[in-house]
């Protein structure tokens, strides 16, 4: 008997980092039989464009909404949404209830969002922001209308080898005031998980587990769909 087809992983990355920080992680997910789609956030690409500094969460959400519509409405794909850090905010804004697998089955439609996988990700109740929930971060400097991470070596890459941490820290991108993202301490992660009613799994990792512990994260991801 043929194995059931695995869902497509919609990878919603964190902010401050170039998409390439997720390349190894995405390839590892694909090696386990999951097609991967990673929409490029306008707030992270095109830094040489004149309006780059004006890009915000709303622009990123619009790109992800388009990707979701294409995958589900046009292609009838079943989706596993994988969200890291700020990606939790993007996913919460971009995923409509009428495109869940359950909702579409009730209307005799194929495809839909079947699973949500958060790792070190934000999840906010309606009407709240990161600033109102946990306050502004001491790890950010305000610069030219944008947030600049003060010490990415320790905030984002604390458990990477020094040379790898330095490589990625040198590629950190300042973000708009509307984003207001930061690395997520364990108690804050637990608060978000409680709000979402999540099943919680823990690994010994810093914020960027897709770089430091990708095998462990992918193993947890596989557990979600088995």
C-alpha atoms as a PDB file:
ATOM      1  CA  UNK A   1       0.000   0.000   0.000  1.00  0.00           C
ATOM      2  CA  UNK A   2       1.361   3.435  -0.918  1.00  0.00           C
ATOM      3  CA  UNK A   3       2.185   5.798   1.921  1.00  0.00           C
ATOM      4  CA  UNK A   4      -0.275   8.670   2.354  1.00  0.00           C
ATOM      5  CA  UNK A   5       0.916  11.915   0.827  1.00  0.00           C
ATOM      6  CA  UNK A   6       2.405  14.255   3.395  1.00  0.00           C
ATOM      7  CA  UNK A   7       1.123  17.821   3.699  1.00  0.00           C
ATOM      8  CA  UNK A   8       2.947  20.780   2.237  1.00  0.00           C
ATOM      9  CA  UNK A   9       4.929  22.657   4.880  1.00  0.00           C
ATOM     10  CA  UNK A  10       4.279  26.398   4.670  1.00  0.00           C
ATOM     11  CA  UNK A  11       7.368  27.811   6.386  1.00  0.00           C
ATOM     12  CA  UNK A  12       6.849  31.221   7.990  1.00  0.00           C
ATOM     13  CA  UNK A  13      10.210  32.418   9.204  1.00  0.00           C
ATOM     14  CA  UNK A  14      11.177  34.822  11.946  1.00  0.00           C
ATOM     15  CA  UNK A  15      12.161  38.401  11.356  1.00  0.00           C
ATOM     16  CA  UNK A  16      15.602  40.096  11.380  1.00  0.00           C
ATOM     17  CA  UNK A  17      17.048  37.121   9.438  1.00  0.00           C
ATOM     18  CA  UNK A  18      17.517  36.529   5.734  1.00  0.00           C
ATOM     19  CA  UNK A  19      15.506  33.644   4.244  1.00  0.00           C
ATOM     20  CA  UNK A  20      18.773  31.737   3.708  1.00  0.00           C
ATOM     21  CA  UNK A  21      18.970  31.158   7.478  1.00  0.00           C
ATOM     22  CA  UNK A  22      16.183  28.614   6.942  1.00  0.00           C
ATOM     23  CA  UNK A  23      17.636  26.855   3.877  1.00  0.00           C
ATOM     24  CA  UNK A  24      19.146  23.878   5.724  1.00  0.00           C
ATOM     25  CA  UNK A  25      15.995  23.473   7.808  1.00  0.00           C
ATOM     26  CA  UNK A  26      13.769  23.584   4.709  1.00  0.00           C
ATOM     27  CA  UNK A  27      15.909  20.985   2.916  1.00  0.00           C
ATOM     28  CA  UNK A  28      15.721  18.713   5.952  1.00  0.00           C
ATOM     29  CA  UNK A  29      11.916  18.976   6.012  1.00  0.00           C
ATOM     30  CA  UNK A  30      11.841  18.160   2.291  1.00  0.00           C
ATOM     31  CA  UNK A  31      14.081  15.127   2.869  1.00  0.00           C
ATOM     32  CA  UNK A  32      11.334  13.707   5.100  1.00  0.00           C
ATOM     33  CA  UNK A  33       8.816  13.891   2.269  1.00  0.00           C
ATOM     34  CA  UNK A  34       7.169  17.258   2.928  1.00  0.00           C
ATOM     35  CA  UNK A  35       7.091  19.764   0.055  1.00  0.00           C
ATOM     36  CA  UNK A  36       8.156  23.163   1.429  1.00  0.00           C
ATOM     37  CA  UNK A  37       6.935  26.631   0.470  1.00  0.00           C
ATOM     38  CA  UNK A  38       8.607  29.629   2.118  1.00  0.00           C
ATOM     39  CA  UNK A  39       7.041  32.941   1.052  1.00  0.00           C
ATOM     40  CA  UNK A  40       9.638  35.756   0.994  1.00  0.00           C
ATOM     41  CA  UNK A  41       8.696  38.587   3.353  1.00  0.00           C
ATOM     42  CA  UNK A  42       8.826  42.086   1.811  1.00  0.00           C
ATOM     43  CA  UNK A  43      10.177  43.319   5.172  1.00  0.00           C
ATOM     44  CA  UNK A  44      13.308  41.183   4.705  1.00  0.00           C
ATOM     45  CA  UNK A  45      14.142  41.386   1.004  1.00  0.00           C
ATOM     46  CA  UNK A  46      14.874  44.231  -1.401  1.00  0.00           C
ATOM     47  CA  UNK A  47      16.920  46.264   1.054  1.00  0.00           C
ATOM     48  CA  UNK A  48      18.208  48.406  -1.804  1.00  0.00           C
ATOM     49  CA  UNK A  49      14.670  49.411  -2.822  1.00  0.00           C
ATOM     50  CA  UNK A  50      13.494  52.949  -1.892  1.00  0.00           C
ATOM     51  CA  UNK A  51      10.429  51.855   0.089  1.00  0.00           C
ATOM     52  CA  UNK A  52      12.055  48.947   1.932  1.00  0.00           C
ATOM     53  CA  UNK A  53      12.080  50.748   5.292  1.00  0.00           C
ATOM     54  CA  UNK A  54       8.305  51.231   5.077  1.00  0.00           C
ATOM     55  CA  UNK A  55       7.534  47.501   4.839  1.00  0.00           C
ATOM     56  CA  UNK A  56       5.685  46.080   7.844  1.00  0.00           C
ATOM     57  CA  UNK A  57       3.781  43.069   9.129  1.00  0.00           C
ATOM     58  CA  UNK A  58       0.859  43.949   6.835  1.00  0.00           C
ATOM     59  CA  UNK A  59       3.045  43.530   3.734  1.00  0.00           C
ATOM     60  CA  UNK A  60       4.334  40.174   4.943  1.00  0.00           C
ATOM     61  CA  UNK A  61       0.800  38.982   5.718  1.00  0.00           C
ATOM     62  CA  UNK A  62      -0.359  39.905   2.200  1.00  0.00           C
ATOM     63  CA  UNK A  63       2.360  37.745   0.618  1.00  0.00           C
ATOM     64  CA  UNK A  64       1.512  34.791   2.862  1.00  0.00           C
ATOM     65  CA  UNK A  65      -2.221  35.162   2.188  1.00  0.00           C
ATOM     66  CA  UNK A  66      -1.502  34.904  -1.541  1.00  0.00           C
ATOM     67  CA  UNK A  67       0.622  31.785  -1.007  1.00  0.00           C
ATOM     68  CA  UNK A  68      -2.096  30.144   1.104  1.00  0.00           C
ATOM     69  CA  UNK A  69      -4.779  30.905  -1.480  1.00  0.00           C
ATOM     70  CA  UNK A  70      -2.655  29.443  -4.281  1.00  0.00           C
ATOM     71  CA  UNK A  71      -1.840  26.262  -2.343  1.00  0.00           C
ATOM     72  CA  UNK A  72      -5.351  25.573  -1.086  1.00  0.00           C
ATOM     73  CA  UNK A  73      -7.889  27.192  -3.418  1.00  0.00           C
ATOM     74  CA  UNK A  74      -5.957  26.711  -6.662  1.00  0.00           C
ATOM     75  CA  UNK A  75      -4.063  23.477  -5.921  1.00  0.00           C
ATOM     76  CA  UNK A  76      -6.203  21.770  -3.210  1.00  0.00           C
ATOM     77  CA  UNK A  77      -3.128  21.102  -1.058  1.00  0.00           C
ATOM     78  CA  UNK A  78      -3.222  20.032   2.581  1.00  0.00           C
ATOM     79  CA  UNK A  79      -1.039  22.394   4.604  1.00  0.00           C
ATOM     80  CA  UNK A  80       1.126  22.186   7.707  1.00  0.00           C
ATOM     81  CA  UNK A  81       1.920  25.764   8.802  1.00  0.00           C
ATOM     82  CA  UNK A  82       5.388  25.908  10.404  1.00  0.00           C
ATOM     83  CA  UNK A  83       5.942  29.175  12.290  1.00  0.00           C
ATOM     84  CA  UNK A  84       9.126  30.452  13.921  1.00  0.00           C
ATOM     85  CA  UNK A  85       9.295  33.573  16.104  1.00  0.00           C
ATOM     86  CA  UNK A  86       7.635  36.496  14.270  1.00  0.00           C
ATOM     87  CA  UNK A  87       6.219  33.932  11.838  1.00  0.00           C
ATOM     88  CA  UNK A  88       3.595  33.176  14.492  1.00  0.00           C
ATOM     89  CA  UNK A  89       2.248  36.709  14.121  1.00  0.00           C
ATOM     90  CA  UNK A  90       2.258  36.468  10.335  1.00  0.00           C
ATOM     91  CA  UNK A  91       0.467  33.129  10.423  1.00  0.00           C
ATOM     92  CA  UNK A  92      -2.170  34.298  12.882  1.00  0.00           C
ATOM     93  CA  UNK A  93      -2.982  37.255  10.628  1.00  0.00           C
ATOM     94  CA  UNK A  94      -2.798  35.409   7.304  1.00  0.00           C
ATOM     95  CA  UNK A  95      -4.676  32.161   7.985  1.00  0.00           C
ATOM     96  CA  UNK A  96      -8.455  32.471   7.448  1.00  0.00           C
ATOM     97  CA  UNK A  97     -10.773  30.064   9.263  1.00  0.00           C
ATOM     98  CA  UNK A  98     -12.603  29.177   6.055  1.00  0.00           C
ATOM     99  CA  UNK A  99      -9.421  27.617   4.629  1.00  0.00           C
ATOM    100  CA  UNK A 100      -8.895  25.083   7.410  1.00  0.00           C
ATOM    101  CA  UNK A 101      -9.167  21.438   6.390  1.00  0.00           C
ATOM    102  CA  UNK A 102     -12.220  20.983   8.623  1.00  0.00           C
ATOM    103  CA  UNK A 103     -14.054  23.963   7.154  1.00  0.00           C
ATOM    104  CA  UNK A 104     -13.381  22.903   3.570  1.00  0.00           C
ATOM    105  CA  UNK A 105     -14.401  19.288   4.192  1.00  0.00           C
ATOM    106  CA  UNK A 106     -17.741  20.543   5.488  1.00  0.00           C
ATOM    107  CA  UNK A 107     -18.221  22.197   2.083  1.00  0.00           C
ATOM    108  CA  UNK A 108     -17.026  19.107   0.160  1.00  0.00           C
ATOM    109  CA  UNK A 109     -13.807  20.875  -0.863  1.00  0.00           C
ATOM    110  CA  UNK A 110     -10.341  19.338  -0.969  1.00  0.00           C
ATOM    111  CA  UNK A 111      -7.256  20.653   0.778  1.00  0.00           C
ATOM    112  CA  UNK A 112      -6.899  23.089   3.627  1.00  0.00           C
ATOM    113  CA  UNK A 113      -4.805  23.895   6.675  1.00  0.00           C
ATOM    114  CA  UNK A 114      -4.570  20.763   8.802  1.00  0.00           C
ATOM    115  CA  UNK A 115      -1.787  21.510  11.298  1.00  0.00           C
ATOM    116  CA  UNK A 116      -0.119  24.429  13.062  1.00  0.00           C
ATOM    117  CA  UNK A 117       3.462  24.008  14.331  1.00  0.00           C
ATOM    118  CA  UNK A 118       4.928  26.842  16.414  1.00  0.00           C
ATOM    119  CA  UNK A 119       8.567  26.861  17.541  1.00  0.00           C
ATOM    120  CA  UNK A 120       9.828  29.783  19.622  1.00  0.00           C
ATOM    121  CA  UNK A 121       6.913  31.636  18.059  1.00  0.00           C
ATOM    122  CA  UNK A 122       4.600  34.453  19.058  1.00  0.00           C
ATOM    123  CA  UNK A 123       0.874  33.905  19.457  1.00  0.00           C
ATOM    124  CA  UNK A 124      -1.259  36.876  20.452  1.00  0.00           C
ATOM    125  CA  UNK A 125      -4.942  37.123  21.405  1.00  0.00           C
ATOM    126  CA  UNK A 126      -7.182  39.408  19.365  1.00  0.00           C
ATOM    127  CA  UNK A 127      -6.468  43.090  19.936  1.00  0.00           C
ATOM    128  CA  UNK A 128      -3.046  42.651  21.560  1.00  0.00           C
ATOM    129  CA  UNK A 129       0.481  43.263  20.319  1.00  0.00           C
ATOM    130  CA  UNK A 130       3.872  42.081  21.534  1.00  0.00           C
ATOM    131  CA  UNK A 131       4.413  45.485  23.123  1.00  0.00           C
ATOM    132  CA  UNK A 132       1.184  45.305  25.140  1.00  0.00           C
ATOM    133  CA  UNK A 133       1.712  41.666  26.152  1.00  0.00           C
ATOM    134  CA  UNK A 134       5.384  41.580  27.154  1.00  0.00           C
ATOM    135  CA  UNK A 135       6.614  45.168  26.731  1.00  0.00           C
ATOM    136  CA  UNK A 136       9.396  46.634  24.610  1.00  0.00           C
ATOM    137  CA  UNK A 137      12.597  44.625  24.480  1.00  0.00           C
ATOM    138  CA  UNK A 138      15.880  45.763  26.043  1.00  0.00           C
ATOM    139  CA  UNK A 139      17.616  43.909  23.202  1.00  0.00           C
ATOM    140  CA  UNK A 140      16.488  46.463  20.583  1.00  0.00           C
ATOM    141  CA  UNK A 141      17.817  49.876  19.656  1.00  0.00           C
ATOM    142  CA  UNK A 142      15.567  52.293  17.777  1.00  0.00           C
ATOM    143  CA  UNK A 143      17.406  53.515  14.694  1.00  0.00           C
ATOM    144  CA  UNK A 144      16.182  55.482  11.684  1.00  0.00           C
ATOM    145  CA  UNK A 145      12.565  54.557  12.380  1.00  0.00           C
ATOM    146  CA  UNK A 146      13.391  50.863  12.688  1.00  0.00           C
ATOM    147  CA  UNK A 147      14.401  48.299  15.293  1.00  0.00           C
ATOM    148  CA  UNK A 148      18.000  47.161  15.319  1.00  0.00           C
ATOM    149  CA  UNK A 149      18.922  44.110  17.367  1.00  0.00           C
ATOM    150  CA  UNK A 150      21.566  45.140  19.885  1.00  0.00           C
ATOM    151  CA  UNK A 151      23.295  41.791  20.421  1.00  0.00           C
ATOM    152  CA  UNK A 152      22.159  39.108  17.969  1.00  0.00           C
ATOM    153  CA  UNK A 153      25.050  36.834  18.956  1.00  0.00           C
ATOM    154  CA  UNK A 154      23.464  36.149  22.333  1.00  0.00           C
ATOM    155  CA  UNK A 155      19.813  36.921  21.592  1.00  0.00           C
ATOM    156  CA  UNK A 156      19.404  34.892  18.398  1.00  0.00           C
ATOM    157  CA  UNK A 157      22.386  32.551  18.156  1.00  0.00           C
ATOM    158  CA  UNK A 158      23.405  31.724  21.725  1.00  0.00           C
ATOM    159  CA  UNK A 159      23.872  27.991  21.128  1.00  0.00           C
ATOM    160  CA  UNK A 160      25.616  28.081  17.743  1.00  0.00           C
ATOM    161  CA  UNK A 161      29.385  27.640  17.321  1.00  0.00           C
ATOM    162  CA  UNK A 162      31.121  31.028  17.422  1.00  0.00           C
ATOM    163  CA  UNK A 163      31.936  31.146  13.708  1.00  0.00           C
ATOM    164  CA  UNK A 164      28.373  30.283  12.679  1.00  0.00           C
ATOM    165  CA  UNK A 165      26.894  32.735  15.180  1.00  0.00           C
ATOM    166  CA  UNK A 166      29.125  35.511  13.822  1.00  0.00           C
ATOM    167  CA  UNK A 167      28.157  34.644  10.233  1.00  0.00           C
ATOM    168  CA  UNK A 168      24.421  34.943  10.887  1.00  0.00           C
ATOM    169  CA  UNK A 169      24.712  37.908  13.266  1.00  0.00           C
ATOM    170  CA  UNK A 170      26.450  39.879  10.511  1.00  0.00           C
ATOM    171  CA  UNK A 171      23.368  39.374   8.334  1.00  0.00           C
ATOM    172  CA  UNK A 172      20.727  40.600  10.771  1.00  0.00           C
ATOM    173  CA  UNK A 173      18.340  43.137   9.221  1.00  0.00           C
ATOM    174  CA  UNK A 174      16.812  46.111  11.110  1.00  0.00           C
ATOM    175  CA  UNK A 175      13.024  45.950  11.193  1.00  0.00           C
ATOM    176  CA  UNK A 176      10.143  48.403  11.151  1.00  0.00           C
ATOM    177  CA  UNK A 177       8.473  49.694  14.298  1.00  0.00           C
ATOM    178  CA  UNK A 178       5.305  47.794  13.381  1.00  0.00           C
ATOM    179  CA  UNK A 179       7.124  44.482  13.731  1.00  0.00           C
ATOM    180  CA  UNK A 180       8.441  44.808  17.294  1.00  0.00           C
ATOM    181  CA  UNK A 181       9.846  41.296  17.407  1.00  0.00           C
ATOM    182  CA  UNK A 182      12.447  39.846  19.767  1.00  0.00           C
ATOM    183  CA  UNK A 183      13.803  36.481  20.794  1.00  0.00           C
ATOM    184  CA  UNK A 184      11.248  34.697  22.937  1.00  0.00           C
ATOM    185  CA  UNK A 185      12.199  33.677  26.520  1.00  0.00           C
ATOM    186  CA  UNK A 186      10.891  30.306  27.735  1.00  0.00           C
ATOM    187  CA  UNK A 187       8.244  31.758  30.128  1.00  0.00           C
ATOM    188  CA  UNK A 188       6.877  33.887  27.283  1.00  0.00           C
ATOM    189  CA  UNK A 189       6.792  30.860  24.972  1.00  0.00           C
ATOM    190  CA  UNK A 190       4.793  28.999  27.627  1.00  0.00           C
ATOM    191  CA  UNK A 191       2.364  31.908  27.901  1.00  0.00           C
ATOM    192  CA  UNK A 192       1.803  31.885  24.123  1.00  0.00           C
ATOM    193  CA  UNK A 193       1.377  28.097  24.104  1.00  0.00           C
ATOM    194  CA  UNK A 194      -1.269  28.353  26.826  1.00  0.00           C
ATOM    195  CA  UNK A 195      -3.139  31.032  24.871  1.00  0.00           C
ATOM    196  CA  UNK A 196      -3.157  28.827  21.782  1.00  0.00           C
ATOM    197  CA  UNK A 197      -4.210  25.690  23.649  1.00  0.00           C
ATOM    198  CA  UNK A 198      -1.149  23.944  22.216  1.00  0.00           C
ATOM    199  CA  UNK A 199       0.365  20.550  22.898  1.00  0.00           C
ATOM    200  CA  UNK A 200       3.818  21.527  24.224  1.00  0.00           C
ATOM    201  CA  UNK A 201       7.092  19.753  23.416  1.00  0.00           C
ATOM    202  CA  UNK A 202      10.442  21.031  24.704  1.00  0.00           C
ATOM    203  CA  UNK A 203      13.997  20.794  23.401  1.00  0.00           C
ATOM    204  CA  UNK A 204      17.247  22.173  24.802  1.00  0.00           C
ATOM    205  CA  UNK A 205      17.845  24.969  22.326  1.00  0.00           C
ATOM    206  CA  UNK A 206      18.322  28.683  21.866  1.00  0.00           C
ATOM    207  CA  UNK A 207      16.018  30.865  19.779  1.00  0.00           C
ATOM    208  CA  UNK A 208      17.228  29.758  16.336  1.00  0.00           C
ATOM    209  CA  UNK A 209      16.658  26.018  16.667  1.00  0.00           C
ATOM    210  CA  UNK A 210      16.349  25.671  12.884  1.00  0.00           C
ATOM    211  CA  UNK A 211      20.121  26.329  12.815  1.00  0.00           C
ATOM    212  CA  UNK A 212      21.316  24.720  16.047  1.00  0.00           C
ATOM    213  CA  UNK A 213      18.932  21.747  16.399  1.00  0.00           C
ATOM    214  CA  UNK A 214      17.187  21.229  13.051  1.00  0.00           C
ATOM    215  CA  UNK A 215      16.953  17.433  13.390  1.00  0.00           C
ATOM    216  CA  UNK A 216      15.132  17.699  16.715  1.00  0.00           C
ATOM    217  CA  UNK A 217      12.696  20.291  15.398  1.00  0.00           C
ATOM    218  CA  UNK A 218      11.910  18.251  12.296  1.00  0.00           C
ATOM    219  CA  UNK A 219      11.391  15.131  14.428  1.00  0.00           C
ATOM    220  CA  UNK A 220       8.796  17.044  16.456  1.00  0.00           C
ATOM    221  CA  UNK A 221       7.225  18.304  13.254  1.00  0.00           C
ATOM    222  CA  UNK A 222       6.888  14.743  11.972  1.00  0.00           C
ATOM    223  CA  UNK A 223       5.219  13.726  15.242  1.00  0.00           C
ATOM    224  CA  UNK A 224       2.499  16.292  14.570  1.00  0.00           C
ATOM    225  CA  UNK A 225       1.328  14.601  11.388  1.00  0.00           C
ATOM    226  CA  UNK A 226       1.850  10.917  12.266  1.00  0.00           C
END
